[in-house]
Amino acid sequence: MSVLERERDFIPYPTIIETTHRGERAMGVFDRLLKDRIVFLGTEINDDVANIVIAQLLFLESEDPDKEIMLYVNSPGGVVTSGLAIFDTMQYVRCAVSTTCLGQAASMGAVILAAGQKSRRFGLPNSRMLIHQPLGGVRGQATDIEIHAREILALKERLTDILQQATGQDRNKLRQDMERDFYMSAPSAKEYGLIDEVVQPKKVLGKTGDKPASK
């Protein structure tokens, strides 16, 4: 990757300045969130992203295996096996893992969202969820294409198993819904069983120019 490509793809992350008895220290915003047991999945899912999320989950379990981890999801999905690695780790750690969708939880993002602790899966009012069957394409000899197709079908069945257990939906309905892109609003996702609660805003937005009510 060239320098120009790296600069183009660079996303600046805020730095938090904390004052302690030892003076001031700077840390990345995600490091600061980790101190509060918050893990943020905010990108497309690949092996690198999955490894970071998994490392954070394992670290927080080692810190306190009895305290909840809060996983926030805003992801378009990504590599199925990378997402399954996060899913398996969520089931492996002793901590309860709550999940909250903000923005979108699509494809593997939706699977990870649904994999949170039952009764602790949330969606913000304007969040969107999407489920569908795995996507894939391959070129080469007919035998290789056949092998790849069998793998995609096996992954499709595994994802159907996971979503059936997470949502309680009928398997045939899940298969039908996953044949094409199946979008859901937060209330629809709650009805579907993908989440347990739509989070209500902490404040009610008034008209432009309105001042907050004084006590």
N, C-alpha and C. Protein backbone atom coordinates (compact mmCIF):
# COMPACT_ATOMS: atom_id res chain seq x y z
N MET A 1 0.85 -1.19 0.00
CA MET A 1 0.00 0.00 0.00
C MET A 1 0.89 1.24 0.00
N SER A 2 0.58 2.20 -0.89
CA SER A 2 1.39 3.41 -0.98
C SER A 2 1.09 4.36 0.16
N VAL A 3 1.96 5.38 0.31
CA VAL A 3 1.77 6.39 1.35
C VAL A 3 0.45 7.12 1.13
N LEU A 4 0.15 7.44 -0.13
CA LEU A 4 -1.10 8.15 -0.43
C LEU A 4 -2.32 7.31 -0.06
N GLU A 5 -2.24 6.00 -0.33
CA GLU A 5 -3.36 5.12 0.02
C GLU A 5 -3.52 5.02 1.53
N ARG A 6 -2.40 4.96 2.26
CA ARG A 6 -2.48 4.90 3.73
C ARG A 6 -3.08 6.19 4.29
N GLU A 7 -2.67 7.33 3.73
CA GLU A 7 -3.21 8.60 4.19
C GLU A 7 -4.70 8.71 3.87
N ARG A 8 -5.09 8.21 2.71
CA ARG A 8 -6.50 8.25 2.32
C ARG A 8 -7.35 7.40 3.25
N ASP A 9 -6.84 6.24 3.64
CA ASP A 9 -7.61 5.32 4.47
C ASP A 9 -7.49 5.61 5.97
N PHE A 10 -6.61 6.53 6.34
CA PHE A 10 -6.39 6.82 7.76
C PHE A 10 -7.61 7.49 8.38
N ILE A 11 -8.06 6.98 9.50
CA ILE A 11 -9.18 7.57 10.23
C ILE A 11 -8.65 8.06 11.57
N PRO A 12 -8.68 9.37 11.82
CA PRO A 12 -8.16 9.87 13.10
C PRO A 12 -9.10 9.51 14.24
N TYR A 13 -8.55 8.98 15.32
CA TYR A 13 -9.35 8.65 16.49
C TYR A 13 -9.03 9.64 17.60
N PRO A 14 -10.06 10.10 18.32
CA PRO A 14 -9.81 11.09 19.37
C PRO A 14 -8.94 10.53 20.48
N THR A 15 -8.22 11.42 21.10
CA THR A 15 -7.41 11.08 22.27
C THR A 15 -8.03 11.71 23.51
N ILE A 16 -8.12 10.94 24.56
CA ILE A 16 -8.69 11.41 25.81
C ILE A 16 -7.56 11.79 26.76
N ILE A 17 -7.67 12.96 27.38
CA ILE A 17 -6.69 13.39 28.37
C ILE A 17 -7.31 13.20 29.75
N GLU A 18 -6.68 12.38 30.56
CA GLU A 18 -7.16 12.14 31.92
C GLU A 18 -6.18 12.74 32.93
N THR A 19 -6.75 13.31 33.99
CA THR A 19 -5.93 13.86 35.07
C THR A 19 -6.00 12.93 36.27
N THR A 20 -4.86 12.46 36.71
CA THR A 20 -4.78 11.58 37.87
C THR A 20 -3.84 12.21 38.90
N HIS A 21 -3.68 11.53 40.02
CA HIS A 21 -2.78 12.04 41.05
C HIS A 21 -1.32 12.04 40.58
N ARG A 22 -1.08 11.32 39.48
CA ARG A 22 0.27 11.29 38.92
C ARG A 22 0.43 12.32 37.79
N GLY A 23 -0.61 13.07 37.52
CA GLY A 23 -0.55 14.05 36.45
C GLY A 23 -1.48 13.68 35.31
N GLU A 24 -1.26 14.27 34.15
CA GLU A 24 -2.10 14.02 32.99
C GLU A 24 -1.52 12.88 32.16
N ARG A 25 -2.44 12.12 31.56
CA ARG A 25 -2.00 11.08 30.63
C ARG A 25 -3.00 11.00 29.49
N ALA A 26 -2.50 10.65 28.31
CA ALA A 26 -3.34 10.56 27.12
C ALA A 26 -3.58 9.10 26.78
N MET A 27 -4.79 8.82 26.32
CA MET A 27 -5.10 7.47 25.85
C MET A 27 -6.13 7.57 24.73
N GLY A 28 -6.14 6.57 23.86
CA GLY A 28 -7.12 6.53 22.79
C GLY A 28 -8.52 6.35 23.36
N VAL A 29 -9.51 6.84 22.61
CA VAL A 29 -10.89 6.78 23.10
C VAL A 29 -11.34 5.34 23.31
N PHE A 30 -10.87 4.41 22.45
CA PHE A 30 -11.28 3.02 22.60
C PHE A 30 -10.63 2.37 23.83
N ASP A 31 -9.42 2.80 24.15
CA ASP A 31 -8.78 2.32 25.38
C ASP A 31 -9.55 2.81 26.60
N ARG A 32 -10.03 4.06 26.52
CA ARG A 32 -10.80 4.60 27.64
C ARG A 32 -12.12 3.85 27.80
N LEU A 33 -12.77 3.55 26.69
CA LEU A 33 -14.02 2.78 26.76
C LEU A 33 -13.77 1.40 27.35
N LEU A 34 -12.63 0.81 27.01
CA LEU A 34 -12.31 -0.53 27.52
C LEU A 34 -12.21 -0.53 29.04
N LYS A 35 -11.77 0.58 29.61
CA LYS A 35 -11.71 0.67 31.07
C LYS A 35 -13.10 0.53 31.69
N ASP A 36 -14.12 0.95 30.95
CA ASP A 36 -15.50 0.82 31.41
C ASP A 36 -16.16 -0.46 30.90
N ARG A 37 -15.34 -1.38 30.38
CA ARG A 37 -15.80 -2.69 29.88
C ARG A 37 -16.70 -2.53 28.67
N ILE A 38 -16.41 -1.54 27.85
CA ILE A 38 -17.14 -1.32 26.60
C ILE A 38 -16.23 -1.69 25.43
N VAL A 39 -16.73 -2.59 24.58
CA VAL A 39 -16.04 -2.99 23.35
C VAL A 39 -16.86 -2.47 22.18
N PHE A 40 -16.20 -1.81 21.23
CA PHE A 40 -16.92 -1.21 20.10
C PHE A 40 -16.52 -1.90 18.80
N LEU A 41 -17.50 -2.49 18.14
CA LEU A 41 -17.30 -3.11 16.82
C LEU A 41 -17.93 -2.17 15.80
N GLY A 42 -17.11 -1.34 15.17
CA GLY A 42 -17.65 -0.28 14.32
C GLY A 42 -17.14 -0.30 12.90
N THR A 43 -16.72 -1.45 12.41
CA THR A 43 -16.19 -1.54 11.05
C THR A 43 -16.66 -2.84 10.41
N GLU A 44 -16.27 -3.01 9.16
CA GLU A 44 -16.46 -4.30 8.49
C GLU A 44 -15.65 -5.35 9.24
N ILE A 45 -16.18 -6.55 9.31
CA ILE A 45 -15.55 -7.61 10.10
C ILE A 45 -14.58 -8.41 9.23
N ASN A 46 -13.33 -8.45 9.65
CA ASN A 46 -12.33 -9.31 9.00
C ASN A 46 -11.48 -9.93 10.10
N ASP A 47 -10.45 -10.66 9.72
CA ASP A 47 -9.63 -11.35 10.72
C ASP A 47 -8.95 -10.38 11.69
N ASP A 48 -8.46 -9.26 11.16
CA ASP A 48 -7.77 -8.29 12.03
C ASP A 48 -8.73 -7.70 13.06
N VAL A 49 -9.91 -7.30 12.59
CA VAL A 49 -10.91 -6.72 13.50
C VAL A 49 -11.36 -7.76 14.52
N ALA A 50 -11.59 -8.99 14.05
CA ALA A 50 -12.03 -10.06 14.96
C ALA A 50 -10.98 -10.32 16.03
N ASN A 51 -9.71 -10.33 15.65
CA ASN A 51 -8.65 -10.58 16.63
C ASN A 51 -8.62 -9.50 17.71
N ILE A 52 -8.85 -8.25 17.32
CA ILE A 52 -8.87 -7.16 18.30
C ILE A 52 -10.04 -7.32 19.26
N VAL A 53 -11.23 -7.59 18.71
CA VAL A 53 -12.42 -7.76 19.56
C VAL A 53 -12.24 -8.95 20.49
N ILE A 54 -11.72 -10.06 19.96
CA ILE A 54 -11.51 -11.27 20.78
C ILE A 54 -10.51 -10.98 21.90
N ALA A 55 -9.43 -10.29 21.58
CA ALA A 55 -8.43 -9.96 22.60
C ALA A 55 -9.04 -9.11 23.70
N GLN A 56 -9.91 -8.17 23.33
CA GLN A 56 -10.55 -7.32 24.34
C GLN A 56 -11.49 -8.13 25.22
N LEU A 57 -12.25 -9.03 24.61
CA LEU A 57 -13.16 -9.88 25.39
C LEU A 57 -12.39 -10.75 26.38
N LEU A 58 -11.30 -11.35 25.91
CA LEU A 58 -10.51 -12.22 26.79
C LEU A 58 -9.84 -11.42 27.90
N PHE A 59 -9.38 -10.21 27.56
CA PHE A 59 -8.76 -9.37 28.59
C PHE A 59 -9.77 -8.99 29.67
N LEU A 60 -10.97 -8.59 29.25
CA LEU A 60 -11.99 -8.18 30.23
C LEU A 60 -12.44 -9.36 31.09
N GLU A 61 -12.46 -10.56 30.51
CA GLU A 61 -12.79 -11.74 31.31
C GLU A 61 -11.71 -11.97 32.37
N SER A 62 -10.46 -11.80 31.99
CA SER A 62 -9.38 -12.01 32.96
C SER A 62 -9.40 -10.96 34.06
N GLU A 63 -9.89 -9.76 33.73
CA GLU A 63 -9.99 -8.69 34.72
C GLU A 63 -11.06 -8.99 35.76
N ASP A 64 -12.23 -9.43 35.30
CA ASP A 64 -13.34 -9.74 36.21
C ASP A 64 -14.32 -10.65 35.47
N PRO A 65 -14.28 -11.96 35.72
CA PRO A 65 -15.13 -12.90 34.99
C PRO A 65 -16.61 -12.81 35.36
N ASP A 66 -16.93 -12.06 36.41
CA ASP A 66 -18.32 -11.98 36.85
C ASP A 66 -19.00 -10.67 36.46
N LYS A 67 -18.27 -9.79 35.78
CA LYS A 67 -18.82 -8.48 35.45
C LYS A 67 -19.15 -8.42 33.96
N GLU A 68 -20.27 -7.78 33.64
CA GLU A 68 -20.76 -7.73 32.27
C GLU A 68 -19.83 -6.97 31.34
N ILE A 69 -19.76 -7.45 30.10
CA ILE A 69 -19.08 -6.74 29.02
C ILE A 69 -20.16 -6.17 28.11
N MET A 70 -19.99 -4.91 27.71
CA MET A 70 -20.95 -4.26 26.82
C MET A 70 -20.35 -4.14 25.43
N LEU A 71 -20.93 -4.83 24.46
CA LEU A 71 -20.45 -4.82 23.08
C LEU A 71 -21.39 -3.98 22.23
N TYR A 72 -20.86 -2.90 21.67
CA TYR A 72 -21.65 -2.02 20.80
C TYR A 72 -21.33 -2.36 19.35
N VAL A 73 -22.37 -2.49 18.53
CA VAL A 73 -22.21 -2.96 17.15
C VAL A 73 -22.72 -1.91 16.17
N ASN A 74 -21.87 -1.51 15.25
CA ASN A 74 -22.25 -0.68 14.10
C ASN A 74 -21.44 -1.19 12.92
N SER A 75 -21.91 -2.27 12.32
CA SER A 75 -21.09 -3.00 11.35
C SER A 75 -21.92 -3.46 10.16
N PRO A 76 -21.36 -3.35 8.94
CA PRO A 76 -22.05 -3.87 7.76
C PRO A 76 -21.87 -5.37 7.56
N GLY A 77 -21.19 -6.03 8.50
CA GLY A 77 -20.91 -7.46 8.34
C GLY A 77 -19.51 -7.66 7.80
N GLY A 78 -19.28 -8.80 7.18
CA GLY A 78 -17.95 -9.07 6.65
C GLY A 78 -17.69 -10.55 6.49
N VAL A 79 -16.49 -10.97 6.81
CA VAL A 79 -16.08 -12.37 6.62
C VAL A 79 -16.78 -13.25 7.65
N VAL A 80 -17.45 -14.29 7.16
CA VAL A 80 -18.26 -15.14 8.04
C VAL A 80 -17.40 -15.81 9.12
N THR A 81 -16.27 -16.38 8.73
CA THR A 81 -15.45 -17.09 9.71
C THR A 81 -14.88 -16.13 10.77
N SER A 82 -14.59 -14.91 10.37
CA SER A 82 -14.13 -13.91 11.35
C SER A 82 -15.24 -13.59 12.34
N GLY A 83 -16.46 -13.43 11.82
CA GLY A 83 -17.60 -13.17 12.70
C GLY A 83 -17.89 -14.34 13.63
N LEU A 84 -17.74 -15.55 13.12
CA LEU A 84 -17.97 -16.73 13.96
C LEU A 84 -16.92 -16.84 15.06
N ALA A 85 -15.71 -16.36 14.79
CA ALA A 85 -14.68 -16.36 15.84
C ALA A 85 -15.10 -15.44 16.99
N ILE A 86 -15.67 -14.28 16.66
CA ILE A 86 -16.18 -13.38 17.71
C ILE A 86 -17.34 -14.04 18.43
N PHE A 87 -18.26 -14.65 17.67
CA PHE A 87 -19.41 -15.33 18.26
C PHE A 87 -18.97 -16.40 19.25
N ASP A 88 -18.03 -17.24 18.83
CA ASP A 88 -17.57 -18.33 19.71
C ASP A 88 -16.92 -17.79 20.98
N THR A 89 -16.18 -16.70 20.85
CA THR A 89 -15.54 -16.12 22.03
C THR A 89 -16.58 -15.55 22.99
N MET A 90 -17.63 -14.95 22.45
CA MET A 90 -18.72 -14.44 23.30
C MET A 90 -19.34 -15.56 24.11
N GLN A 91 -19.45 -16.74 23.51
CA GLN A 91 -20.02 -17.89 24.23
C GLN A 91 -19.00 -18.51 25.18
N TYR A 92 -17.73 -18.33 24.87
CA TYR A 92 -16.66 -18.97 25.65
C TYR A 92 -16.38 -18.23 26.96
N VAL A 93 -16.36 -16.91 26.90
CA VAL A 93 -16.00 -16.15 28.11
C VAL A 93 -17.09 -16.32 29.17
N ARG A 94 -16.67 -16.27 30.42
CA ARG A 94 -17.61 -16.45 31.53
C ARG A 94 -18.47 -15.22 31.77
N CYS A 95 -18.01 -14.07 31.32
CA CYS A 95 -18.78 -12.84 31.51
C CYS A 95 -20.04 -12.86 30.66
N ALA A 96 -21.10 -12.26 31.18
CA ALA A 96 -22.27 -11.98 30.34
C ALA A 96 -21.87 -10.88 29.36
N VAL A 97 -22.27 -11.03 28.10
CA VAL A 97 -21.95 -10.03 27.08
C VAL A 97 -23.26 -9.44 26.57
N SER A 98 -23.52 -8.19 26.91
CA SER A 98 -24.69 -7.50 26.36
C SER A 98 -24.31 -6.90 25.01
N THR A 99 -25.29 -6.75 24.13
CA THR A 99 -25.03 -6.18 22.81
C THR A 99 -26.00 -5.04 22.55
N THR A 100 -25.52 -4.02 21.87
CA THR A 100 -26.34 -2.87 21.51
C THR A 100 -26.02 -2.47 20.08
N CYS A 101 -27.06 -2.34 19.25
CA CYS A 101 -26.88 -1.91 17.87
C CYS A 101 -27.12 -0.41 17.77
N LEU A 102 -26.18 0.29 17.17
CA LEU A 102 -26.37 1.68 16.81
C LEU A 102 -25.92 1.84 15.37
N GLY A 103 -26.73 2.47 14.54
CA GLY A 103 -26.43 2.53 13.12
C GLY A 103 -26.95 1.30 12.41
N GLN A 104 -26.12 0.30 12.27
CA GLN A 104 -26.55 -0.93 11.60
C GLN A 104 -25.84 -2.15 12.16
N ALA A 105 -26.53 -3.26 12.07
CA ALA A 105 -25.94 -4.57 12.36
C ALA A 105 -26.40 -5.47 11.22
N ALA A 106 -25.56 -5.60 10.21
CA ALA A 106 -25.94 -6.32 9.00
C ALA A 106 -25.13 -7.60 8.88
N SER A 107 -25.77 -8.63 8.31
CA SER A 107 -25.08 -9.88 8.01
C SER A 107 -24.45 -10.46 9.28
N MET A 108 -23.13 -10.63 9.32
CA MET A 108 -22.50 -11.16 10.53
C MET A 108 -22.64 -10.22 11.71
N GLY A 109 -22.79 -8.93 11.44
CA GLY A 109 -23.05 -7.98 12.51
C GLY A 109 -24.35 -8.29 13.23
N ALA A 110 -25.37 -8.72 12.47
CA ALA A 110 -26.65 -9.09 13.07
C ALA A 110 -26.53 -10.37 13.88
N VAL A 111 -25.73 -11.30 13.41
CA VAL A 111 -25.53 -12.56 14.15
C VAL A 111 -24.86 -12.27 15.49
N ILE A 112 -23.84 -11.41 15.47
CA ILE A 112 -23.15 -11.05 16.72
C ILE A 112 -24.09 -10.31 17.65
N LEU A 113 -24.90 -9.40 17.11
CA LEU A 113 -25.88 -8.69 17.93
C LEU A 113 -26.83 -9.67 18.61
N ALA A 114 -27.35 -10.62 17.85
CA ALA A 114 -28.31 -11.59 18.40
C ALA A 114 -27.67 -12.55 19.39
N ALA A 115 -26.33 -12.67 19.35
CA ALA A 115 -25.63 -13.62 20.22
C ALA A 115 -25.41 -13.09 21.62
N GLY A 116 -25.85 -11.86 21.88
CA GLY A 116 -25.68 -11.30 23.22
C GLY A 116 -26.51 -12.03 24.26
N GLN A 117 -26.25 -11.71 25.51
CA GLN A 117 -26.99 -12.31 26.63
C GLN A 117 -28.48 -12.04 26.47
N LYS A 118 -29.29 -13.09 26.58
CA LYS A 118 -30.74 -12.92 26.47
C LYS A 118 -31.22 -11.92 27.50
N SER A 119 -32.12 -11.06 27.10
CA SER A 119 -32.67 -9.94 27.87
C SER A 119 -31.71 -8.76 27.92
N ARG A 120 -30.50 -8.90 27.34
CA ARG A 120 -29.52 -7.82 27.34
C ARG A 120 -29.05 -7.50 25.92
N ARG A 121 -29.98 -7.61 24.96
CA ARG A 121 -29.68 -7.28 23.56
C ARG A 121 -30.54 -6.07 23.19
N PHE A 122 -29.90 -4.98 22.80
CA PHE A 122 -30.61 -3.72 22.61
C PHE A 122 -30.39 -3.16 21.21
N GLY A 123 -31.30 -2.28 20.82
CA GLY A 123 -31.15 -1.53 19.58
C GLY A 123 -31.59 -0.11 19.80
N LEU A 124 -30.83 0.85 19.27
CA LEU A 124 -31.25 2.24 19.34
C LEU A 124 -32.42 2.46 18.39
N PRO A 125 -33.24 3.49 18.62
CA PRO A 125 -34.50 3.64 17.87
C PRO A 125 -34.34 3.66 16.35
N ASN A 126 -33.27 4.24 15.82
CA ASN A 126 -33.10 4.36 14.37
C ASN A 126 -32.09 3.37 13.80
N SER A 127 -31.73 2.37 14.58
CA SER A 127 -30.79 1.36 14.08
C SER A 127 -31.50 0.42 13.11
N ARG A 128 -30.72 -0.20 12.24
CA ARG A 128 -31.25 -1.12 11.23
C ARG A 128 -30.48 -2.44 11.30
N MET A 129 -31.22 -3.51 11.08
CA MET A 129 -30.61 -4.83 11.09
C MET A 129 -30.89 -5.53 9.75
N LEU A 130 -29.99 -6.41 9.35
CA LEU A 130 -30.13 -7.14 8.09
C LEU A 130 -29.61 -8.56 8.27
N ILE A 131 -30.42 -9.52 7.83
CA ILE A 131 -29.95 -10.90 7.76
C ILE A 131 -30.07 -11.38 6.31
N HIS A 132 -29.17 -12.24 5.91
CA HIS A 132 -29.23 -12.86 4.58
C HIS A 132 -28.31 -14.08 4.58
N GLN A 133 -28.33 -14.81 3.48
CA GLN A 133 -27.47 -15.98 3.38
C GLN A 133 -26.04 -15.55 3.06
N PRO A 134 -25.05 -16.39 3.34
CA PRO A 134 -23.66 -16.03 3.05
C PRO A 134 -23.45 -15.76 1.57
N LEU A 135 -22.57 -14.82 1.28
CA LEU A 135 -22.23 -14.48 -0.09
C LEU A 135 -20.86 -15.04 -0.43
N GLY A 136 -20.66 -15.37 -1.69
CA GLY A 136 -19.35 -15.88 -2.08
C GLY A 136 -19.27 -16.09 -3.57
N GLY A 137 -18.08 -16.09 -4.06
CA GLY A 137 -17.85 -16.34 -5.48
C GLY A 137 -16.45 -16.90 -5.67
N VAL A 138 -16.30 -17.78 -6.63
CA VAL A 138 -15.00 -18.39 -6.85
C VAL A 138 -14.85 -18.72 -8.33
N ARG A 139 -13.64 -18.63 -8.81
CA ARG A 139 -13.32 -19.04 -10.17
C ARG A 139 -12.34 -20.20 -10.12
N GLY A 140 -12.34 -20.97 -11.16
CA GLY A 140 -11.41 -22.08 -11.20
C GLY A 140 -12.05 -23.32 -11.79
N GLN A 141 -11.48 -24.46 -11.46
CA GLN A 141 -11.99 -25.72 -11.97
C GLN A 141 -13.35 -26.02 -11.36
N ALA A 142 -14.12 -26.82 -12.09
CA ALA A 142 -15.47 -27.15 -11.65
C ALA A 142 -15.46 -27.81 -10.27
N THR A 143 -14.47 -28.64 -10.01
CA THR A 143 -14.39 -29.31 -8.71
C THR A 143 -14.18 -28.30 -7.58
N ASP A 144 -13.32 -27.30 -7.83
CA ASP A 144 -13.09 -26.26 -6.81
C ASP A 144 -14.36 -25.46 -6.55
N ILE A 145 -15.08 -25.15 -7.61
CA ILE A 145 -16.34 -24.41 -7.46
C ILE A 145 -17.33 -25.22 -6.65
N GLU A 146 -17.38 -26.52 -6.90
CA GLU A 146 -18.30 -27.40 -6.16
C GLU A 146 -17.93 -27.45 -4.68
N ILE A 147 -16.64 -27.54 -4.38
CA ILE A 147 -16.18 -27.56 -2.99
C ILE A 147 -16.56 -26.26 -2.29
N HIS A 148 -16.34 -25.14 -2.98
CA HIS A 148 -16.66 -23.84 -2.41
C HIS A 148 -18.17 -23.71 -2.16
N ALA A 149 -18.96 -24.21 -3.09
CA ALA A 149 -20.42 -24.14 -2.93
C ALA A 149 -20.88 -24.95 -1.72
N ARG A 150 -20.27 -26.13 -1.51
CA ARG A 150 -20.63 -26.94 -0.34
C ARG A 150 -20.29 -26.22 0.96
N GLU A 151 -19.16 -25.51 0.96
CA GLU A 151 -18.76 -24.76 2.16
C GLU A 151 -19.75 -23.63 2.45
N ILE A 152 -20.17 -22.93 1.41
CA ILE A 152 -21.15 -21.84 1.61
C ILE A 152 -22.45 -22.39 2.16
N LEU A 153 -22.90 -23.54 1.64
CA LEU A 153 -24.14 -24.15 2.13
C LEU A 153 -24.00 -24.59 3.58
N ALA A 154 -22.82 -25.11 3.93
CA ALA A 154 -22.59 -25.52 5.32
C ALA A 154 -22.62 -24.31 6.25
N LEU A 155 -22.01 -23.20 5.83
CA LEU A 155 -22.04 -21.98 6.63
C LEU A 155 -23.45 -21.44 6.74
N LYS A 156 -24.20 -21.54 5.66
CA LYS A 156 -25.60 -21.09 5.69
C LYS A 156 -26.39 -21.86 6.74
N GLU A 157 -26.22 -23.17 6.79
CA GLU A 157 -26.92 -23.98 7.78
C GLU A 157 -26.48 -23.63 9.20
N ARG A 158 -25.19 -23.38 9.37
CA ARG A 158 -24.70 -23.04 10.71
C ARG A 158 -25.26 -21.70 11.17
N LEU A 159 -25.29 -20.71 10.29
CA LEU A 159 -25.84 -19.41 10.64
C LEU A 159 -27.34 -19.51 10.93
N THR A 160 -28.02 -20.37 10.19
CA THR A 160 -29.44 -20.60 10.45
C THR A 160 -29.63 -21.20 11.84
N ASP A 161 -28.78 -22.16 12.20
CA ASP A 161 -28.83 -22.75 13.55
C ASP A 161 -28.67 -21.68 14.63
N ILE A 162 -27.67 -20.82 14.45
CA ILE A 162 -27.38 -19.79 15.45
C ILE A 162 -28.55 -18.82 15.59
N LEU A 163 -29.07 -18.36 14.45
CA LEU A 163 -30.17 -17.39 14.50
C LEU A 163 -31.46 -18.02 15.02
N GLN A 164 -31.67 -19.30 14.72
CA GLN A 164 -32.85 -19.97 15.24
C GLN A 164 -32.80 -20.04 16.76
N GLN A 165 -31.63 -20.39 17.30
CA GLN A 165 -31.48 -20.46 18.75
C GLN A 165 -31.59 -19.08 19.39
N ALA A 166 -31.07 -18.06 18.70
CA ALA A 166 -31.06 -16.71 19.27
C ALA A 166 -32.42 -16.04 19.20
N THR A 167 -33.18 -16.31 18.15
CA THR A 167 -34.45 -15.60 17.94
C THR A 167 -35.68 -16.41 18.30
N GLY A 168 -35.56 -17.75 18.26
CA GLY A 168 -36.73 -18.58 18.49
C GLY A 168 -37.63 -18.69 17.27
N GLN A 169 -37.17 -18.19 16.13
CA GLN A 169 -37.97 -18.24 14.91
C GLN A 169 -38.03 -19.66 14.34
N ASP A 170 -39.09 -19.93 13.61
CA ASP A 170 -39.22 -21.20 12.91
C ASP A 170 -38.11 -21.33 11.87
N ARG A 171 -37.52 -22.50 11.77
CA ARG A 171 -36.37 -22.68 10.88
C ARG A 171 -36.74 -22.42 9.42
N ASN A 172 -37.89 -22.88 9.00
CA ASN A 172 -38.30 -22.66 7.61
C ASN A 172 -38.49 -21.18 7.32
N LYS A 173 -39.03 -20.44 8.28
CA LYS A 173 -39.20 -19.00 8.10
C LYS A 173 -37.85 -18.32 7.99
N LEU A 174 -36.91 -18.73 8.85
CA LEU A 174 -35.56 -18.15 8.77
C LEU A 174 -34.92 -18.41 7.41
N ARG A 175 -35.05 -19.63 6.93
CA ARG A 175 -34.47 -19.96 5.63
C ARG A 175 -35.07 -19.09 4.54
N GLN A 176 -36.39 -18.91 4.60
CA GLN A 176 -37.07 -18.10 3.60
C GLN A 176 -36.63 -16.63 3.69
N ASP A 177 -36.56 -16.11 4.91
CA ASP A 177 -36.17 -14.71 5.09
C ASP A 177 -34.73 -14.47 4.65
N MET A 178 -33.86 -15.45 4.85
CA MET A 178 -32.45 -15.27 4.54
C MET A 178 -32.12 -15.49 3.07
N GLU A 179 -33.09 -15.91 2.27
CA GLU A 179 -32.84 -16.12 0.85
C GLU A 179 -32.45 -14.82 0.15
N ARG A 180 -33.01 -13.70 0.63
CA ARG A 180 -32.69 -12.38 0.10
C ARG A 180 -32.40 -11.46 1.27
N ASP A 181 -31.92 -10.26 0.98
CA ASP A 181 -31.67 -9.29 2.05
C ASP A 181 -32.97 -9.02 2.80
N PHE A 182 -32.95 -9.22 4.11
CA PHE A 182 -34.13 -9.05 4.96
C PHE A 182 -33.82 -7.97 5.99
N TYR A 183 -34.35 -6.77 5.74
CA TYR A 183 -34.07 -5.62 6.59
C TYR A 183 -35.10 -5.52 7.71
N MET A 184 -34.65 -5.02 8.85
CA MET A 184 -35.54 -4.81 9.99
C MET A 184 -35.21 -3.49 10.68
N SER A 185 -36.26 -2.80 11.12
CA SER A 185 -36.07 -1.67 12.02
C SER A 185 -35.85 -2.22 13.42
N ALA A 186 -35.52 -1.34 14.35
CA ALA A 186 -35.32 -1.80 15.73
C ALA A 186 -36.59 -2.44 16.31
N PRO A 187 -37.77 -1.80 16.17
CA PRO A 187 -38.99 -2.46 16.68
C PRO A 187 -39.26 -3.80 16.00
N SER A 188 -39.01 -3.88 14.68
CA SER A 188 -39.22 -5.14 13.96
C SER A 188 -38.23 -6.20 14.43
N ALA A 189 -36.99 -5.79 14.71
CA ALA A 189 -35.98 -6.73 15.20
C ALA A 189 -36.36 -7.26 16.57
N LYS A 190 -36.98 -6.41 17.39
CA LYS A 190 -37.45 -6.88 18.70
C LYS A 190 -38.56 -7.91 18.52
N GLU A 191 -39.49 -7.63 17.63
CA GLU A 191 -40.58 -8.57 17.37
C GLU A 191 -40.05 -9.88 16.80
N TYR A 192 -39.00 -9.79 16.00
CA TYR A 192 -38.40 -10.97 15.36
C TYR A 192 -37.61 -11.81 16.35
N GLY A 193 -37.16 -11.19 17.44
CA GLY A 193 -36.36 -11.90 18.43
C GLY A 193 -34.87 -11.67 18.30
N LEU A 194 -34.49 -10.73 17.42
CA LEU A 194 -33.07 -10.44 17.22
C LEU A 194 -32.51 -9.63 18.38
N ILE A 195 -33.36 -8.75 18.94
CA ILE A 195 -32.99 -7.98 20.13
C ILE A 195 -34.13 -8.12 21.14
N ASP A 196 -33.88 -7.65 22.35
CA ASP A 196 -34.87 -7.76 23.43
C ASP A 196 -35.55 -6.45 23.75
N GLU A 197 -34.90 -5.34 23.42
CA GLU A 197 -35.46 -4.05 23.81
C GLU A 197 -34.96 -2.95 22.89
N VAL A 198 -35.85 -2.02 22.57
CA VAL A 198 -35.47 -0.81 21.85
C VAL A 198 -35.15 0.26 22.89
N VAL A 199 -33.93 0.75 22.87
CA VAL A 199 -33.50 1.72 23.89
C VAL A 199 -34.17 3.06 23.62
N GLN A 200 -34.80 3.62 24.64
CA GLN A 200 -35.44 4.92 24.51
C GLN A 200 -34.41 6.02 24.74
N PRO A 201 -34.55 7.14 24.01
CA PRO A 201 -33.57 8.22 24.17
C PRO A 201 -33.57 8.78 25.58
N LYS A 202 -32.39 9.19 26.03
CA LYS A 202 -32.27 9.74 27.37
C LYS A 202 -32.86 11.14 27.47
N LYS A 203 -32.97 11.80 26.32
CA LYS A 203 -33.57 13.13 26.31
C LYS A 203 -34.49 13.24 25.10
N VAL A 204 -35.51 14.06 25.21
CA VAL A 204 -36.46 14.26 24.13
C VAL A 204 -36.06 15.52 23.38
N LEU A 205 -35.88 15.40 22.07
CA LEU A 205 -35.46 16.55 21.28
C LEU A 205 -36.65 17.46 21.04
N GLY A 206 -36.48 18.75 21.30
CA GLY A 206 -37.54 19.71 21.06
C GLY A 206 -37.36 20.40 19.73
N LYS A 207 -38.07 21.50 19.52
CA LYS A 207 -37.95 22.26 18.29
C LYS A 207 -36.61 22.98 18.25
N THR A 208 -36.19 23.35 17.05
CA THR A 208 -34.92 24.05 16.90
C THR A 208 -34.94 25.34 17.69
N GLY A 209 -33.93 25.54 18.48
CA GLY A 209 -33.85 26.76 19.26
C GLY A 209 -34.42 26.63 20.65
N ASP A 210 -35.12 25.51 20.93
CA ASP A 210 -35.67 25.32 22.27
C ASP A 210 -34.54 25.19 23.28
N LYS A 211 -34.73 25.77 24.42
CA LYS A 211 -33.76 25.64 25.50
C LYS A 211 -34.18 24.53 26.43
N PRO A 212 -33.23 23.82 27.01
CA PRO A 212 -33.58 22.77 27.97
C PRO A 212 -34.39 23.36 29.12
N ALA A 213 -35.36 22.58 29.56
CA ALA A 213 -36.18 23.04 30.68
C ALA A 213 -35.33 23.13 31.93
N SER A 214 -35.47 24.23 32.66
CA SER A 214 -34.71 24.40 33.89
C SER A 214 -35.48 23.84 35.06
N LYS A 215 -34.75 23.38 36.06
CA LYS A 215 -35.39 22.81 37.23
C LYS A 215 -35.73 23.90 38.25
